[in-house]
N, C-alpha and C. Protein backbone atom coordinates (compact mmCIF):
# COMPACT_ATOMS: atom_id res chain seq x y z
N MET A 1 5.73 21.13 -16.13
CA MET A 1 5.11 20.22 -15.17
C MET A 1 6.16 19.30 -14.55
N ASP A 2 7.18 18.92 -15.36
CA ASP A 2 8.19 18.00 -14.86
C ASP A 2 8.97 18.59 -13.69
N ALA A 3 9.32 19.87 -13.76
CA ALA A 3 10.06 20.51 -12.66
C ALA A 3 9.20 20.58 -11.40
N ILE A 4 7.93 20.87 -11.57
CA ILE A 4 7.01 20.92 -10.43
C ILE A 4 6.90 19.53 -9.80
N ARG A 5 6.75 18.53 -10.64
CA ARG A 5 6.63 17.15 -10.16
C ARG A 5 7.89 16.74 -9.41
N THR A 6 9.05 17.02 -9.99
CA THR A 6 10.31 16.63 -9.37
C THR A 6 10.51 17.33 -8.03
N GLN A 7 10.23 18.63 -8.00
CA GLN A 7 10.37 19.39 -6.75
C GLN A 7 9.44 18.84 -5.67
N ARG A 8 8.22 18.58 -6.05
CA ARG A 8 7.26 18.05 -5.08
C ARG A 8 7.69 16.66 -4.59
N LEU A 9 8.13 15.81 -5.51
CA LEU A 9 8.56 14.47 -5.12
C LEU A 9 9.77 14.51 -4.20
N MET A 10 10.69 15.44 -4.44
CA MET A 10 11.85 15.58 -3.56
C MET A 10 11.39 15.91 -2.13
N LYS A 11 10.42 16.80 -2.02
CA LYS A 11 9.89 17.16 -0.69
C LYS A 11 9.20 15.95 -0.05
N GLU A 12 8.42 15.22 -0.84
CA GLU A 12 7.70 14.06 -0.30
C GLU A 12 8.67 12.98 0.17
N VAL A 13 9.69 12.70 -0.64
CA VAL A 13 10.67 11.67 -0.27
C VAL A 13 11.41 12.10 1.00
N GLN A 14 11.77 13.36 1.09
CA GLN A 14 12.44 13.87 2.29
C GLN A 14 11.54 13.71 3.51
N MET A 15 10.27 14.03 3.36
CA MET A 15 9.32 13.90 4.47
C MET A 15 9.19 12.43 4.89
N MET A 16 9.17 11.53 3.92
CA MET A 16 9.05 10.11 4.24
C MET A 16 10.31 9.58 4.94
N ARG A 17 11.45 10.18 4.63
CA ARG A 17 12.70 9.76 5.29
C ARG A 17 12.79 10.30 6.71
N THR A 18 12.42 11.55 6.89
CA THR A 18 12.62 12.20 8.19
C THR A 18 11.48 11.96 9.17
N ASP A 19 10.27 11.78 8.68
CA ASP A 19 9.13 11.64 9.59
C ASP A 19 8.12 10.63 9.04
N PRO A 20 8.55 9.37 8.89
CA PRO A 20 7.62 8.38 8.34
C PRO A 20 6.54 8.02 9.36
N PRO A 21 5.34 7.73 8.89
CA PRO A 21 4.31 7.28 9.82
C PRO A 21 4.66 5.89 10.36
N PRO A 22 4.16 5.54 11.53
CA PRO A 22 4.46 4.23 12.09
C PRO A 22 4.06 3.10 11.13
N GLY A 23 4.99 2.18 10.93
CA GLY A 23 4.68 1.00 10.12
C GLY A 23 4.82 1.19 8.62
N ILE A 24 5.30 2.36 8.18
CA ILE A 24 5.44 2.61 6.75
C ILE A 24 6.85 3.13 6.46
N ALA A 25 7.48 2.57 5.44
CA ALA A 25 8.76 3.08 4.94
C ALA A 25 8.63 3.20 3.43
N CYS A 26 9.26 4.23 2.87
CA CYS A 26 9.18 4.44 1.42
C CYS A 26 10.46 5.11 0.96
N TRP A 27 10.98 4.67 -0.18
CA TRP A 27 12.21 5.22 -0.69
C TRP A 27 12.22 5.10 -2.22
N PRO A 28 13.01 5.97 -2.88
CA PRO A 28 13.10 5.90 -4.34
C PRO A 28 13.98 4.74 -4.79
N VAL A 29 13.62 4.15 -5.92
CA VAL A 29 14.46 3.11 -6.52
C VAL A 29 15.03 3.58 -7.86
N SER A 30 14.71 4.81 -8.23
CA SER A 30 15.29 5.40 -9.43
C SER A 30 15.65 6.85 -9.10
N GLU A 31 16.70 7.35 -9.76
CA GLU A 31 17.17 8.71 -9.47
C GLU A 31 16.14 9.77 -9.82
N ASP A 32 15.30 9.50 -10.80
CA ASP A 32 14.32 10.51 -11.20
C ASP A 32 13.07 10.49 -10.31
N LEU A 33 13.07 9.66 -9.29
CA LEU A 33 12.00 9.58 -8.29
C LEU A 33 10.66 9.09 -8.83
N THR A 34 10.64 8.53 -10.03
CA THR A 34 9.37 8.07 -10.59
C THR A 34 9.01 6.66 -10.15
N ASN A 35 9.96 5.95 -9.58
CA ASN A 35 9.70 4.61 -9.06
C ASN A 35 10.10 4.57 -7.60
N LEU A 36 9.12 4.27 -6.77
CA LEU A 36 9.35 4.18 -5.34
C LEU A 36 9.01 2.78 -4.88
N GLU A 37 9.60 2.40 -3.77
CA GLU A 37 9.24 1.14 -3.14
C GLU A 37 8.86 1.46 -1.70
N ALA A 38 7.90 0.72 -1.19
CA ALA A 38 7.45 0.95 0.18
C ALA A 38 7.23 -0.37 0.87
N THR A 39 7.30 -0.33 2.18
CA THR A 39 6.89 -1.47 2.98
C THR A 39 5.85 -0.97 3.97
N ILE A 40 4.85 -1.79 4.16
CA ILE A 40 3.80 -1.49 5.13
C ILE A 40 3.72 -2.68 6.07
N LEU A 41 3.87 -2.41 7.35
CA LEU A 41 3.75 -3.48 8.33
C LEU A 41 2.28 -3.78 8.55
N GLY A 42 1.96 -5.06 8.63
CA GLY A 42 0.59 -5.46 8.90
C GLY A 42 0.14 -4.88 10.23
N PRO A 43 -1.01 -4.22 10.25
CA PRO A 43 -1.48 -3.56 11.48
C PRO A 43 -1.74 -4.56 12.61
N ASP A 44 -1.36 -4.18 13.82
CA ASP A 44 -1.65 -5.00 15.00
C ASP A 44 -3.15 -5.21 15.11
N GLY A 45 -3.53 -6.38 15.58
CA GLY A 45 -4.94 -6.69 15.75
C GLY A 45 -5.63 -7.14 14.48
N SER A 46 -4.89 -7.20 13.38
CA SER A 46 -5.45 -7.66 12.11
C SER A 46 -4.82 -9.01 11.78
N PRO A 47 -5.41 -9.75 10.84
CA PRO A 47 -4.78 -11.02 10.45
C PRO A 47 -3.45 -10.82 9.72
N TYR A 48 -3.10 -9.58 9.44
CA TYR A 48 -1.87 -9.26 8.73
C TYR A 48 -0.75 -8.83 9.68
N ALA A 49 -1.03 -8.81 10.99
CA ALA A 49 -0.03 -8.42 11.99
C ALA A 49 1.21 -9.30 11.85
N GLY A 50 2.36 -8.67 11.92
CA GLY A 50 3.61 -9.40 11.77
C GLY A 50 4.08 -9.51 10.33
N GLY A 51 3.23 -9.12 9.40
CA GLY A 51 3.59 -9.17 7.99
C GLY A 51 4.30 -7.90 7.55
N ASN A 52 5.15 -8.04 6.57
CA ASN A 52 5.87 -6.92 5.98
C ASN A 52 5.53 -6.93 4.49
N PHE A 53 4.64 -6.03 4.08
CA PHE A 53 4.10 -6.05 2.73
C PHE A 53 4.82 -5.03 1.86
N LYS A 54 5.38 -5.52 0.76
CA LYS A 54 6.09 -4.64 -0.17
C LYS A 54 5.12 -4.11 -1.21
N VAL A 55 5.27 -2.83 -1.49
CA VAL A 55 4.39 -2.13 -2.42
C VAL A 55 5.27 -1.33 -3.38
N LYS A 56 4.92 -1.37 -4.67
CA LYS A 56 5.64 -0.51 -5.60
C LYS A 56 4.74 0.66 -5.97
N VAL A 57 5.38 1.82 -6.13
CA VAL A 57 4.67 3.06 -6.43
C VAL A 57 5.30 3.65 -7.68
N LYS A 58 4.50 3.85 -8.71
CA LYS A 58 4.99 4.47 -9.95
C LYS A 58 4.35 5.84 -10.07
N ILE A 59 5.18 6.83 -10.26
CA ILE A 59 4.70 8.21 -10.34
C ILE A 59 4.48 8.57 -11.82
N PRO A 60 3.24 8.93 -12.18
CA PRO A 60 2.97 9.27 -13.58
C PRO A 60 3.55 10.64 -13.96
N ASN A 61 3.67 10.88 -15.25
CA ASN A 61 4.21 12.16 -15.74
C ASN A 61 3.39 13.35 -15.27
N ARG A 62 2.10 13.17 -15.10
CA ARG A 62 1.22 14.29 -14.74
C ARG A 62 0.99 14.42 -13.23
N TYR A 63 1.76 13.71 -12.42
CA TYR A 63 1.65 13.83 -10.96
C TYR A 63 1.97 15.26 -10.55
N PRO A 64 1.24 15.87 -9.69
CA PRO A 64 0.16 15.39 -8.84
C PRO A 64 -1.25 15.52 -9.43
N MET A 65 -1.34 15.89 -10.70
CA MET A 65 -2.67 15.99 -11.31
C MET A 65 -3.29 14.59 -11.48
N GLU A 66 -2.45 13.58 -11.59
CA GLU A 66 -2.90 12.18 -11.65
C GLU A 66 -2.32 11.44 -10.45
N PRO A 67 -3.03 10.44 -9.96
CA PRO A 67 -2.55 9.71 -8.78
C PRO A 67 -1.39 8.77 -9.11
N PRO A 68 -0.59 8.44 -8.10
CA PRO A 68 0.43 7.42 -8.32
C PRO A 68 -0.21 6.07 -8.57
N GLN A 69 0.49 5.23 -9.30
CA GLN A 69 0.03 3.85 -9.52
C GLN A 69 0.67 3.00 -8.43
N VAL A 70 -0.17 2.32 -7.67
CA VAL A 70 0.29 1.58 -6.51
C VAL A 70 -0.12 0.12 -6.66
N GLN A 71 0.81 -0.78 -6.35
CA GLN A 71 0.53 -2.20 -6.50
C GLN A 71 1.31 -2.99 -5.45
N PHE A 72 0.65 -3.98 -4.85
CA PHE A 72 1.33 -4.87 -3.92
C PHE A 72 2.28 -5.77 -4.68
N GLU A 73 3.49 -5.93 -4.16
CA GLU A 73 4.41 -6.94 -4.66
C GLU A 73 4.31 -8.21 -3.82
N THR A 74 3.93 -8.05 -2.57
CA THR A 74 3.73 -9.19 -1.67
C THR A 74 2.29 -9.67 -1.81
N GLN A 75 2.12 -10.96 -1.94
CA GLN A 75 0.75 -11.50 -2.01
C GLN A 75 0.05 -11.28 -0.68
N ILE A 76 -1.24 -10.95 -0.77
CA ILE A 76 -2.05 -10.71 0.42
C ILE A 76 -3.46 -11.22 0.16
N TYR A 77 -4.04 -11.85 1.15
CA TYR A 77 -5.41 -12.35 1.04
C TYR A 77 -6.32 -11.26 1.57
N HIS A 78 -6.92 -10.50 0.67
CA HIS A 78 -7.66 -9.30 1.05
C HIS A 78 -8.75 -9.03 0.02
N PRO A 79 -9.93 -8.62 0.46
CA PRO A 79 -11.02 -8.37 -0.49
C PRO A 79 -10.76 -7.23 -1.48
N ASN A 80 -9.84 -6.32 -1.13
CA ASN A 80 -9.61 -5.15 -1.98
C ASN A 80 -8.30 -5.21 -2.76
N VAL A 81 -7.66 -6.39 -2.78
CA VAL A 81 -6.41 -6.57 -3.52
C VAL A 81 -6.52 -7.88 -4.31
N ASP A 82 -6.28 -7.79 -5.63
CA ASP A 82 -6.38 -9.02 -6.42
C ASP A 82 -5.05 -9.78 -6.43
N THR A 83 -5.04 -10.92 -7.10
CA THR A 83 -3.88 -11.81 -7.06
C THR A 83 -2.66 -11.22 -7.78
N SER A 84 -2.85 -10.21 -8.62
CA SER A 84 -1.70 -9.57 -9.26
C SER A 84 -1.23 -8.34 -8.49
N GLY A 85 -1.88 -8.05 -7.35
CA GLY A 85 -1.45 -6.93 -6.51
C GLY A 85 -2.19 -5.63 -6.76
N ARG A 86 -3.12 -5.63 -7.73
CA ARG A 86 -3.90 -4.41 -7.97
C ARG A 86 -4.78 -4.11 -6.75
N ILE A 87 -5.01 -2.83 -6.51
CA ILE A 87 -5.69 -2.38 -5.29
C ILE A 87 -6.95 -1.60 -5.64
N CYS A 88 -8.03 -1.89 -4.94
CA CYS A 88 -9.26 -1.12 -5.07
C CYS A 88 -9.29 -0.12 -3.91
N LEU A 89 -8.88 1.11 -4.20
CA LEU A 89 -8.81 2.18 -3.21
C LEU A 89 -9.17 3.48 -3.91
N ASP A 90 -10.20 4.14 -3.43
CA ASP A 90 -10.74 5.30 -4.16
C ASP A 90 -9.75 6.45 -4.32
N ILE A 91 -8.79 6.62 -3.43
CA ILE A 91 -7.90 7.77 -3.58
C ILE A 91 -6.79 7.56 -4.61
N ILE A 92 -6.71 6.38 -5.22
CA ILE A 92 -5.75 6.21 -6.31
C ILE A 92 -6.47 6.14 -7.66
N VAL A 93 -7.69 6.67 -7.67
CA VAL A 93 -8.50 6.73 -8.89
C VAL A 93 -8.91 8.18 -9.11
N MET A 94 -8.81 8.64 -10.36
CA MET A 94 -9.21 10.01 -10.71
C MET A 94 -10.70 10.22 -10.49
N ARG A 95 -11.06 11.45 -10.22
CA ARG A 95 -12.47 11.81 -10.16
C ARG A 95 -13.06 11.72 -11.57
N PRO A 96 -14.31 11.44 -11.78
CA PRO A 96 -15.40 11.41 -10.81
C PRO A 96 -15.57 10.06 -10.13
N LYS A 97 -14.93 8.99 -10.64
CA LYS A 97 -15.12 7.67 -10.01
C LYS A 97 -14.34 7.55 -8.71
N GLY A 98 -13.22 8.20 -8.63
CA GLY A 98 -12.37 8.10 -7.44
C GLY A 98 -12.30 9.40 -6.68
N GLN A 99 -11.37 9.45 -5.74
CA GLN A 99 -11.24 10.60 -4.85
C GLN A 99 -9.88 11.28 -4.93
N TRP A 100 -9.05 10.93 -5.94
CA TRP A 100 -7.74 11.56 -6.02
C TRP A 100 -7.89 13.06 -6.21
N ALA A 101 -7.05 13.81 -5.50
CA ALA A 101 -6.97 15.26 -5.64
C ALA A 101 -5.48 15.62 -5.58
N PRO A 102 -5.06 16.65 -6.31
CA PRO A 102 -3.65 17.04 -6.30
C PRO A 102 -3.11 17.42 -4.92
N SER A 103 -3.99 17.71 -3.99
CA SER A 103 -3.55 18.03 -2.63
C SER A 103 -3.10 16.79 -1.86
N LEU A 104 -3.44 15.60 -2.36
CA LEU A 104 -3.00 14.36 -1.73
C LEU A 104 -1.57 14.06 -2.17
N ASN A 105 -0.92 13.13 -1.47
CA ASN A 105 0.45 12.78 -1.83
C ASN A 105 0.70 11.29 -1.61
N VAL A 106 1.90 10.85 -1.90
CA VAL A 106 2.25 9.43 -1.78
C VAL A 106 2.06 8.95 -0.35
N LEU A 107 2.46 9.76 0.60
CA LEU A 107 2.31 9.38 2.00
C LEU A 107 0.85 9.19 2.39
N THR A 108 -0.01 10.06 1.89
CA THR A 108 -1.45 9.92 2.14
C THR A 108 -1.95 8.59 1.57
N VAL A 109 -1.49 8.27 0.37
CA VAL A 109 -1.90 7.01 -0.27
C VAL A 109 -1.44 5.82 0.55
N LEU A 110 -0.19 5.83 0.99
CA LEU A 110 0.34 4.69 1.76
C LEU A 110 -0.36 4.56 3.11
N THR A 111 -0.65 5.68 3.75
CA THR A 111 -1.37 5.65 5.02
C THR A 111 -2.78 5.12 4.82
N SER A 112 -3.43 5.53 3.74
CA SER A 112 -4.77 5.03 3.43
C SER A 112 -4.73 3.54 3.12
N LEU A 113 -3.67 3.11 2.45
CA LEU A 113 -3.52 1.69 2.15
C LEU A 113 -3.33 0.88 3.43
N GLN A 114 -2.56 1.42 4.36
CA GLN A 114 -2.38 0.76 5.66
C GLN A 114 -3.73 0.63 6.38
N SER A 115 -4.55 1.67 6.32
CA SER A 115 -5.89 1.61 6.93
C SER A 115 -6.77 0.59 6.23
N LEU A 116 -6.67 0.52 4.90
CA LEU A 116 -7.46 -0.45 4.15
C LEU A 116 -7.07 -1.88 4.51
N ILE A 117 -5.78 -2.10 4.74
CA ILE A 117 -5.34 -3.43 5.15
C ILE A 117 -6.03 -3.81 6.46
N ALA A 118 -6.06 -2.87 7.39
CA ALA A 118 -6.66 -3.14 8.71
C ALA A 118 -8.17 -3.28 8.64
N GLU A 119 -8.80 -2.49 7.78
CA GLU A 119 -10.26 -2.46 7.69
C GLU A 119 -10.70 -2.56 6.24
N PRO A 120 -10.84 -3.78 5.73
CA PRO A 120 -11.25 -3.96 4.33
C PRO A 120 -12.60 -3.32 4.03
N ASN A 121 -12.74 -2.87 2.80
CA ASN A 121 -14.01 -2.32 2.32
C ASN A 121 -14.74 -3.42 1.56
N THR A 122 -15.61 -4.13 2.26
CA THR A 122 -16.33 -5.24 1.62
C THR A 122 -17.52 -4.75 0.81
N GLY A 123 -17.83 -3.46 0.89
CA GLY A 123 -18.90 -2.90 0.08
C GLY A 123 -18.49 -2.73 -1.37
N ASP A 124 -17.19 -2.71 -1.63
CA ASP A 124 -16.67 -2.54 -2.99
C ASP A 124 -15.43 -3.42 -3.16
N PRO A 125 -15.60 -4.75 -3.06
CA PRO A 125 -14.43 -5.62 -3.12
C PRO A 125 -13.93 -5.83 -4.55
N LEU A 126 -12.63 -5.88 -4.69
CA LEU A 126 -12.03 -6.25 -5.97
C LEU A 126 -12.09 -7.77 -6.14
N MET A 127 -12.11 -8.46 -5.02
CA MET A 127 -12.21 -9.92 -4.97
C MET A 127 -13.53 -10.28 -4.27
N PRO A 128 -14.64 -10.37 -5.03
CA PRO A 128 -15.96 -10.58 -4.42
C PRO A 128 -16.06 -11.82 -3.54
N ASP A 129 -15.40 -12.91 -3.93
CA ASP A 129 -15.47 -14.13 -3.12
C ASP A 129 -14.83 -13.92 -1.74
N ILE A 130 -13.72 -13.21 -1.71
CA ILE A 130 -13.06 -12.94 -0.43
C ILE A 130 -13.90 -11.96 0.38
N GLY A 131 -14.51 -10.98 -0.28
CA GLY A 131 -15.39 -10.05 0.42
C GLY A 131 -16.58 -10.77 1.05
N LYS A 132 -17.15 -11.70 0.30
CA LYS A 132 -18.28 -12.48 0.81
C LYS A 132 -17.85 -13.34 1.99
N GLU A 133 -16.68 -13.95 1.86
CA GLU A 133 -16.16 -14.77 2.95
C GLU A 133 -15.92 -13.92 4.20
N PHE A 134 -15.38 -12.72 4.03
CA PHE A 134 -15.15 -11.81 5.15
C PHE A 134 -16.46 -11.53 5.88
N GLU A 135 -17.52 -11.30 5.11
CA GLU A 135 -18.83 -10.98 5.69
C GLU A 135 -19.54 -12.19 6.28
N GLN A 136 -19.45 -13.34 5.62
CA GLN A 136 -20.28 -14.49 6.00
C GLN A 136 -19.54 -15.58 6.77
N ASN A 137 -18.23 -15.64 6.65
CA ASN A 137 -17.47 -16.67 7.36
C ASN A 137 -16.13 -16.07 7.78
N TYR A 138 -16.21 -15.12 8.71
CA TYR A 138 -15.03 -14.36 9.12
C TYR A 138 -13.93 -15.26 9.69
N GLY A 139 -14.31 -16.31 10.39
CA GLY A 139 -13.32 -17.24 10.94
C GLY A 139 -12.45 -17.86 9.86
N LEU A 140 -13.07 -18.30 8.78
CA LEU A 140 -12.33 -18.88 7.66
C LEU A 140 -11.46 -17.82 6.99
N PHE A 141 -12.01 -16.62 6.83
CA PHE A 141 -11.23 -15.52 6.26
C PHE A 141 -9.97 -15.28 7.09
N LEU A 142 -10.12 -15.22 8.41
CA LEU A 142 -8.97 -14.98 9.29
C LEU A 142 -7.89 -16.05 9.11
N VAL A 143 -8.31 -17.30 9.06
CA VAL A 143 -7.36 -18.40 8.89
C VAL A 143 -6.59 -18.23 7.59
N LYS A 144 -7.29 -17.97 6.49
CA LYS A 144 -6.64 -17.83 5.18
C LYS A 144 -5.73 -16.61 5.13
N ALA A 145 -6.20 -15.48 5.68
CA ALA A 145 -5.39 -14.26 5.67
C ALA A 145 -4.12 -14.44 6.50
N LYS A 146 -4.24 -15.07 7.66
CA LYS A 146 -3.06 -15.31 8.50
C LYS A 146 -2.09 -16.27 7.82
N GLU A 147 -2.62 -17.31 7.18
CA GLU A 147 -1.76 -18.27 6.48
C GLU A 147 -0.97 -17.59 5.36
N MET A 148 -1.66 -16.78 4.56
CA MET A 148 -0.96 -16.10 3.45
C MET A 148 0.04 -15.08 3.97
N THR A 149 -0.32 -14.40 5.06
CA THR A 149 0.62 -13.45 5.65
C THR A 149 1.88 -14.17 6.10
N LYS A 150 1.70 -15.29 6.79
CA LYS A 150 2.86 -16.06 7.26
C LYS A 150 3.69 -16.58 6.09
N LYS A 151 3.02 -17.04 5.06
CA LYS A 151 3.72 -17.63 3.91
C LYS A 151 4.46 -16.60 3.06
N TYR A 152 3.84 -15.45 2.81
CA TYR A 152 4.40 -14.49 1.86
C TYR A 152 4.95 -13.20 2.46
N ALA A 153 4.53 -12.84 3.67
CA ALA A 153 4.90 -11.52 4.19
C ALA A 153 5.79 -11.57 5.43
N THR A 154 6.23 -12.75 5.81
CA THR A 154 7.16 -12.83 6.92
C THR A 154 8.38 -13.61 6.47
N GLU A 155 9.50 -13.25 7.05
CA GLU A 155 10.74 -13.93 6.70
C GLU A 155 11.30 -14.68 7.90
N GLY A 156 10.47 -14.82 8.94
CA GLY A 156 10.91 -15.54 10.12
C GLY A 156 11.89 -14.77 10.97
N ASP A 157 12.06 -13.49 10.67
CA ASP A 157 13.02 -12.66 11.39
C ASP A 157 12.39 -11.30 11.60
N SER A 158 12.15 -10.92 12.84
CA SER A 158 11.46 -9.66 13.12
C SER A 158 12.26 -8.45 12.68
N SER A 159 13.55 -8.59 12.43
CA SER A 159 14.34 -7.45 11.99
C SER A 159 14.28 -7.25 10.49
N SER A 160 13.64 -8.18 9.76
CA SER A 160 13.63 -8.11 8.30
C SER A 160 12.93 -6.89 7.77
N SER A 161 11.95 -6.35 8.50
CA SER A 161 11.20 -5.21 7.99
C SER A 161 12.05 -3.96 7.90
N SER A 162 13.04 -3.82 8.77
CA SER A 162 13.85 -2.62 8.72
C SER A 162 15.05 -2.78 7.80
N SER A 163 15.41 -4.01 7.45
CA SER A 163 16.59 -4.21 6.63
C SER A 163 16.31 -4.05 5.14
N SER A 164 15.04 -3.95 4.74
CA SER A 164 14.74 -3.88 3.32
C SER A 164 14.83 -2.48 2.76
N SER A 165 14.88 -1.46 3.61
CA SER A 165 14.99 -0.11 3.10
C SER A 165 16.43 0.36 3.22
N PRO A 166 16.88 1.17 2.26
CA PRO A 166 18.25 1.64 2.31
C PRO A 166 18.45 2.63 3.44
N SER A 167 19.67 2.71 3.94
CA SER A 167 19.98 3.62 5.06
C SER A 167 20.20 5.02 4.57
């Protein structure tokens, strides 16, 4: 299984280097490819626009039979992300409770995470108070989300998002 995992991860890392989706960068931080780091730019039109969110990705021994473990390193005010960076996203959970399938990959997870940032799932919030605020007092939610994005996800330099990944 280890050789299959390594071969697949090499292909995925190469794909992320040569053809990354807009607003997402991902690279290995260990030679064995089991620890990856990613950045996701806050989607335009969202309270996270202009933010550069760091995410760590840990690849389990049984990947792709098990999903990668994904966690925000950058604080974010979001109904589906708790204060320690844990994420409520169905494709990083095994079936039957989740939707992970071996046909999915790290890039799919990061793209789904980018979509979740733009469009929170308030029907299944990890942070119920923030989910309720999103639904009942969206203006206040926007203010708080923008404040946290400015405080934790921007460095005051628009070039900072590209300088964090290795060349």
